[in-house]
Amino acid sequence: MKQSELNATIRKTTGNGPARSLRRDGMFPAVLYGPNTQPVLLAVNVREFERAVQKGNIRRTIFALSIQNGATLTRPAVIKELQTHPVSGQFLHADFYEIDMNRKLRVMVPILPKGKAKGEEFGGMMQIIEREIEVLCLPSEIPEALELDVADLGIGDALHVRDITLPAGVELPPGVNYTVVTVVSPKAEAAPTAGEAEAAEAAEGEKAAETEKAAE
């Protein structure tokens, strides 16, 4: 799990007008909250946040959020929601969720298929049904990815969530066991529709009539 330091300052204004002013000054609005944390309105520097984003997937990044308000208060947090402009990609607002480093949390982790399914050698096609799955673990133990060996998959075979070997300290939510990867047979050639069949028969009839006429 990547960790990144990020500075923020307390903001005392809300609304579209103050938010636009923040963005003109190279900042954007955010909020920090959590199960034991009263919501705190923040302003985050765009350039600092961009540098943090470039280091890796922000959905799996723990931020050491340093809040400046006379004194500096540091809180571990993850991104709960990030709003961006649909065209420009400009950061509009971020929700930071304060976490307890000693308590497990739910997080999405990508699946990394390894090897080539044996079913592909016989014309099968491997389909990745889920590219990431939800796991439970401590913030410090969140894996970058979970490898899944697909080499033994034949046509019609599938691997499920519980077939994934999880690192120590990482577990699945209770009752979860959906399909992650499967190998399917090549698509059969589509059968002609009734209309297409009638048209083909008519064309064959016309061709036969023309052949008979030419023979006369």
Protein backbone atom coordinates (compact mmCIF):
# COMPACT_ATOMS: atom_id res chain seq x y z
CA MET A 1 0.00 0.00 0.00
CA LYS A 2 1.45 3.33 -1.05
CA GLN A 3 1.62 6.14 1.48
CA SER A 4 1.85 9.79 0.58
CA GLU A 5 2.16 12.98 2.58
CA LEU A 6 -0.27 15.75 1.72
CA ASN A 7 -0.70 19.20 3.23
CA ALA A 8 -4.09 20.86 3.70
CA THR A 9 -5.40 23.99 5.35
CA ILE A 10 -8.67 24.70 7.14
CA ARG A 11 -11.23 26.60 5.06
CA LYS A 12 -14.06 28.54 6.62
CA THR A 13 -16.22 29.23 3.57
CA THR A 14 -18.51 27.04 1.49
CA GLY A 15 -20.43 27.39 -1.76
CA ASN A 16 -19.63 27.74 -5.45
CA GLY A 17 -18.18 31.24 -5.24
CA PRO A 18 -15.51 30.47 -2.60
CA ALA A 19 -14.76 27.17 -4.37
CA ARG A 20 -14.05 29.01 -7.63
CA SER A 21 -11.80 31.43 -5.74
CA LEU A 22 -9.87 28.50 -4.28
CA ARG A 23 -9.34 27.00 -7.73
CA ARG A 24 -8.09 30.32 -9.10
CA ASP A 25 -5.51 30.29 -6.31
CA GLY A 26 -4.31 26.79 -7.20
CA MET A 27 -6.35 25.03 -4.50
CA PHE A 28 -9.53 22.97 -4.44
CA PRO A 29 -12.05 22.21 -1.66
CA ALA A 30 -12.07 18.96 0.30
CA VAL A 31 -13.52 17.52 3.49
CA LEU A 32 -12.19 15.08 6.08
CA TYR A 33 -14.59 12.86 8.02
CA GLY A 34 -14.72 9.45 9.69
CA PRO A 35 -16.56 7.34 12.25
CA ASN A 36 -14.94 9.24 15.12
CA THR A 37 -14.18 12.48 13.28
CA GLN A 38 -16.38 15.53 12.94
CA PRO A 39 -16.30 16.80 9.31
CA VAL A 40 -13.45 19.24 8.74
CA LEU A 41 -13.53 21.59 5.74
CA LEU A 42 -10.18 21.66 3.94
CA ALA A 43 -8.37 23.32 1.05
CA VAL A 44 -5.80 21.22 -0.83
CA ASN A 45 -3.01 22.43 -3.12
CA VAL A 46 -3.59 21.18 -6.67
CA ARG A 47 0.09 20.65 -7.53
CA GLU A 48 0.75 18.69 -4.33
CA PHE A 49 -2.25 16.50 -4.97
CA GLU A 50 -1.21 15.90 -8.58
CA ARG A 51 2.21 14.71 -7.40
CA ALA A 52 0.51 12.31 -4.97
CA VAL A 53 -1.77 11.01 -7.74
CA GLN A 54 1.18 10.36 -10.06
CA LYS A 55 2.78 8.02 -7.53
CA GLY A 56 0.08 5.39 -7.91
CA ASN A 57 -3.60 4.54 -7.71
CA ILE A 58 -5.11 7.01 -5.27
CA ARG A 59 -7.87 4.52 -4.37
CA ARG A 60 -5.18 2.42 -2.72
CA THR A 61 -3.12 5.24 -1.26
CA ILE A 62 -3.00 6.18 2.41
CA PHE A 63 -2.57 9.93 2.83
CA ALA A 64 -0.75 11.31 5.83
CA LEU A 65 -2.93 14.39 5.84
CA SER A 66 -1.17 17.31 7.57
CA ILE A 67 -3.79 19.90 8.47
CA GLN A 68 -2.49 23.41 9.08
CA ASN A 69 -4.52 25.46 11.53
CA GLY A 70 -2.01 27.35 13.62
CA ALA A 71 -0.65 23.97 14.79
CA THR A 72 -0.17 20.97 12.51
CA LEU A 73 -2.46 17.98 12.95
CA THR A 74 -1.67 14.80 10.97
CA ARG A 75 -4.37 12.25 10.21
CA PRO A 76 -4.20 9.02 8.13
CA ALA A 77 -6.89 9.04 5.47
CA VAL A 78 -7.97 7.50 2.18
CA ILE A 79 -9.91 8.99 -0.70
CA LYS A 80 -13.60 8.15 -0.42
CA GLU A 81 -14.71 10.22 -3.40
CA LEU A 82 -12.94 12.44 -5.91
CA GLN A 83 -14.91 14.75 -8.18
CA THR A 84 -13.30 16.01 -11.38
CA HIS A 85 -14.50 18.14 -14.28
CA PRO A 86 -15.79 15.82 -17.07
CA VAL A 87 -13.96 17.75 -19.80
CA SER A 88 -10.90 19.45 -18.30
CA GLY A 89 -10.19 16.84 -15.62
CA GLN A 90 -9.79 19.66 -13.07
CA PHE A 91 -10.12 18.57 -9.44
CA LEU A 92 -13.41 19.87 -8.06
CA HIS A 93 -13.74 18.27 -4.62
CA ALA A 94 -12.29 15.42 -2.56
CA ASP A 95 -13.71 13.45 0.34
CA PHE A 96 -11.03 12.12 2.71
CA TYR A 97 -12.03 9.36 5.11
CA GLU A 98 -9.97 9.11 8.30
CA ILE A 99 -8.91 5.55 9.05
CA ASP A 100 -7.65 3.63 12.05
CA MET A 101 -4.32 2.01 11.15
CA ASN A 102 -5.10 -0.80 13.61
CA ARG A 103 -8.52 -1.62 12.18
CA LYS A 104 -9.32 -3.57 9.00
CA LEU A 105 -11.08 -1.77 6.18
CA ARG A 106 -12.71 -2.77 2.91
CA VAL A 107 -10.73 -1.93 -0.21
CA MET A 108 -10.78 -2.88 -3.90
CA VAL A 109 -7.64 -4.66 -5.16
CA PRO A 110 -6.87 -5.47 -8.83
CA ILE A 111 -6.65 -9.06 -10.10
CA LEU A 112 -3.55 -10.00 -12.10
CA PRO A 113 -4.03 -13.19 -14.20
CA LYS A 114 -0.77 -15.16 -14.62
CA GLY A 115 0.02 -17.63 -17.38
CA LYS A 116 -1.94 -18.76 -20.43
CA ALA A 117 -5.04 -20.90 -20.01
CA LYS A 118 -4.65 -24.33 -21.64
CA GLY A 119 -8.14 -23.93 -23.08
CA GLU A 120 -6.84 -21.12 -25.29
CA GLU A 121 -4.61 -23.64 -27.09
CA PHE A 122 -7.79 -25.38 -28.27
CA GLY A 123 -9.47 -22.22 -29.50
CA GLY A 124 -11.06 -21.11 -26.24
CA MET A 125 -11.17 -17.48 -25.20
CA MET A 126 -10.34 -16.31 -21.69
CA GLN A 127 -12.77 -13.79 -20.27
CA ILE A 128 -11.90 -11.66 -17.25
CA ILE A 129 -15.21 -11.17 -15.47
CA GLU A 130 -13.86 -9.07 -12.57
CA ARG A 131 -10.70 -6.97 -12.78
CA GLU A 132 -10.67 -6.16 -9.06
CA ILE A 133 -12.21 -7.60 -5.92
CA GLU A 134 -13.06 -6.31 -2.46
CA VAL A 135 -10.96 -7.54 0.47
CA LEU A 136 -10.65 -6.83 4.19
CA CYS A 137 -7.25 -5.99 5.69
CA LEU A 138 -5.30 -3.49 7.76
CA PRO A 139 -4.36 -0.30 5.89
CA SER A 140 -0.66 -1.19 6.05
CA GLU A 141 -1.31 -4.63 4.50
CA ILE A 142 -3.30 -3.63 1.41
CA PRO A 143 -1.73 -5.52 -1.54
CA GLU A 144 -0.91 -3.76 -4.82
CA ALA A 145 -2.50 -6.68 -6.75
CA LEU A 146 -3.59 -10.29 -6.32
CA GLU A 147 -2.11 -12.86 -8.72
CA LEU A 148 -4.35 -15.60 -10.12
CA ASP A 149 -2.81 -18.60 -11.94
CA VAL A 150 -5.02 -19.42 -14.95
CA ALA A 151 -2.73 -22.00 -16.62
CA ASP A 152 -4.93 -25.03 -15.75
CA LEU A 153 -8.17 -23.54 -17.06
CA GLY A 154 -9.73 -25.57 -19.85
CA ILE A 155 -12.68 -24.63 -22.05
CA GLY A 156 -15.72 -24.22 -19.81
CA ASP A 157 -13.64 -23.90 -16.64
CA ALA A 158 -13.76 -20.92 -14.29
CA LEU A 159 -11.99 -19.53 -11.26
CA HIS A 160 -13.85 -17.89 -8.41
CA VAL A 161 -12.92 -15.41 -5.73
CA ARG A 162 -12.13 -18.15 -3.23
CA ASP A 163 -9.62 -19.69 -5.66
CA ILE A 164 -7.36 -16.66 -5.15
CA THR A 165 -4.46 -17.14 -2.75
CA LEU A 166 -4.58 -14.20 -0.34
CA PRO A 167 -1.56 -12.78 1.51
CA ALA A 168 -1.38 -13.13 5.28
CA GLY A 169 -3.74 -10.72 7.02
CA VAL A 170 -5.97 -10.29 3.94
CA GLU A 171 -9.43 -11.87 3.88
CA LEU A 172 -12.60 -11.88 1.81
CA PRO A 173 -15.91 -10.44 3.02
CA PRO A 174 -18.22 -13.19 4.36
CA GLY A 175 -20.23 -15.18 1.81
CA VAL A 176 -18.38 -13.91 -1.27
CA ASN A 177 -17.48 -16.37 -4.08
CA TYR A 178 -18.35 -14.97 -7.52
CA THR A 179 -16.63 -15.84 -10.83
CA VAL A 180 -13.46 -13.91 -11.65
CA VAL A 181 -12.08 -15.59 -14.79
CA THR A 182 -13.51 -18.14 -17.22
CA VAL A 183 -12.57 -19.76 -20.53
CA VAL A 184 -15.38 -19.98 -23.09
CA SER A 185 -15.60 -21.89 -26.37
CA PRO A 186 -15.39 -19.95 -29.66
CA LYS A 187 -18.67 -18.43 -30.69
CA ALA A 188 -20.60 -20.75 -33.00
CA GLU A 189 -21.53 -19.32 -36.37
CA ALA A 190 -24.89 -17.65 -36.03
CA ALA A 191 -27.77 -19.56 -37.65
CA PRO A 192 -29.66 -17.62 -40.35
CA THR A 193 -32.94 -16.03 -39.40
CA ALA A 194 -36.21 -17.15 -40.99
CA GLY A 195 -36.18 -14.11 -43.29
CA GLU A 196 -32.59 -14.73 -44.33
CA ALA A 197 -33.39 -18.40 -45.05
CA GLU A 198 -36.39 -17.48 -47.23
CA ALA A 199 -34.32 -14.93 -49.16
CA ALA A 200 -31.57 -17.49 -49.74
CA GLU A 201 -34.08 -20.07 -50.98
CA ALA A 202 -35.63 -17.52 -53.35
CA ALA A 203 -32.21 -16.57 -54.69
CA GLU A 204 -31.35 -20.24 -55.26
CA GLY A 205 -34.68 -20.74 -57.07
CA GLU A 206 -34.05 -17.78 -59.37
CA LYS A 207 -30.53 -19.00 -60.08
CA ALA A 208 -31.84 -22.49 -60.95
CA ALA A 209 -34.49 -21.01 -63.28
CA GLU A 210 -31.88 -18.92 -65.07
CA THR A 211 -29.67 -22.00 -65.47
CA GLU A 212 -32.55 -24.03 -66.98
CA LYS A 213 -33.43 -21.19 -69.37
CA ALA A 214 -29.84 -20.88 -70.51
CA ALA A 215 -29.73 -24.64 -71.13
CA GLU A 216 -32.80 -24.43 -73.42
